[in-house]
Protein backbone atom coordinates (compact mmCIF):
# COMPACT_ATOMS: atom_id res chain seq x y z
CA MET A 1 76.71 85.92 83.25
CA ALA A 2 74.63 82.94 83.57
CA THR A 3 70.94 82.69 85.19
CA LEU A 4 70.20 79.94 87.64
CA THR A 5 66.83 78.80 88.92
CA ILE A 6 66.55 76.81 91.66
CA ARG A 7 62.95 74.98 92.06
CA ASN A 8 61.14 73.13 95.14
CA LEU A 9 63.52 75.33 97.54
CA ASP A 10 61.65 74.75 101.19
CA ASP A 11 59.94 78.10 102.41
CA ALA A 12 61.97 78.18 105.57
CA VAL A 13 65.38 78.08 103.54
CA ARG A 14 63.98 81.12 101.59
CA ASP A 15 62.85 82.88 104.81
CA VAL A 16 66.02 82.38 106.32
CA LEU A 17 68.18 83.56 103.37
CA ARG A 18 65.97 86.66 103.32
CA GLU A 19 66.68 87.33 106.66
CA ARG A 20 70.51 86.90 106.27
CA ALA A 21 70.41 89.33 103.49
CA ARG A 22 68.62 91.87 105.11
CA GLU A 23 71.06 91.48 108.17
CA ASN A 24 74.02 92.11 105.57
CA GLY A 25 72.37 94.87 103.58
CA ARG A 26 72.21 93.06 100.32
CA SER A 27 69.17 91.78 98.14
CA THR A 28 68.12 88.13 98.59
CA GLU A 29 69.64 87.71 95.37
CA ALA A 30 73.16 89.12 96.17
CA GLU A 31 73.29 86.87 99.48
CA VAL A 32 72.84 83.78 97.44
CA ARG A 33 75.16 84.96 94.96
CA LEU A 34 77.94 85.46 97.49
CA LEU A 35 76.93 82.00 99.19
CA LEU A 36 77.36 79.97 96.04
CA GLU A 37 80.68 81.92 95.63
CA GLN A 38 81.95 81.02 98.87
CA SER A 39 81.02 77.51 98.83
CA VAL A 40 82.86 77.22 95.39
CA ALA A 41 85.82 79.32 95.80
CA GLY A 42 86.49 78.89 99.30
CA PRO A 43 87.25 82.20 101.82
CA THR A 44 89.36 84.41 99.15
CA ILE A 45 86.00 85.81 97.42
CA ALA A 46 84.33 85.86 100.87
CA THR A 47 86.93 87.78 102.09
CA GLU A 48 86.69 90.31 99.10
CA HIS A 49 82.74 90.78 100.09
CA ARG A 50 83.04 91.16 103.70
CA CYS A 51 85.67 93.26 104.77
CA ALA A 52 85.31 95.25 107.78
CA PRO A 53 85.14 98.90 107.31
CA ARG A 54 88.28 100.94 108.08
CA ARG A 55 86.72 103.22 110.41
CA ARG A 56 83.18 103.27 112.09
CA PHE A 57 81.17 106.34 111.67
CA ALA A 58 80.45 106.00 115.88
CA ASP A 59 84.55 106.99 115.93
CA ILE A 60 84.80 109.75 113.67
CA GLU A 61 84.58 112.91 115.40
CA PRO A 62 82.48 115.90 114.39
CA ILE A 63 83.78 119.03 113.11
CA GLU A 64 82.47 122.75 113.31
CA ILE A 65 82.66 124.78 110.00
CA ASP A 66 82.92 128.52 111.34
CA HIS A 67 82.74 130.33 108.04
CA PRO A 68 82.58 129.44 104.13
CA GLU A 69 86.15 129.12 103.70
CA SER A 70 86.44 126.44 106.09
CA SER A 71 84.16 124.28 104.01
CA GLN A 72 86.46 124.44 101.13
CA GLU A 73 89.75 123.76 103.51
CA ILE A 74 88.15 120.86 104.50
CA LEU A 75 87.03 119.29 101.21
CA ASP A 76 90.77 120.25 99.89
CA TYR A 77 91.81 118.22 102.94
CA LEU A 78 89.74 115.13 102.64
CA ARG A 79 90.62 115.00 98.81
CA GLY A 80 94.29 115.09 99.68
CA ASP A 81 95.21 118.61 98.29
CA ARG A 82 96.95 119.76 101.59
């Protein structure tokens, strides 16, 4: 993999990149890498990295575990060992 150094980058641009990275849960380096990939390759790579989650945590209903066997049953179910 190559390394790229960018000199004379305006502080305001750096700050925007940092904020954007923070909002997207990435490092500034990862955010810049993604932006460069998107600008070169188009939307194909962009959708790979930014796909929406299938379910939000807020949509998942909580479960109760009544006894110790229930936890193993739940793990088996989640693993597909039904």
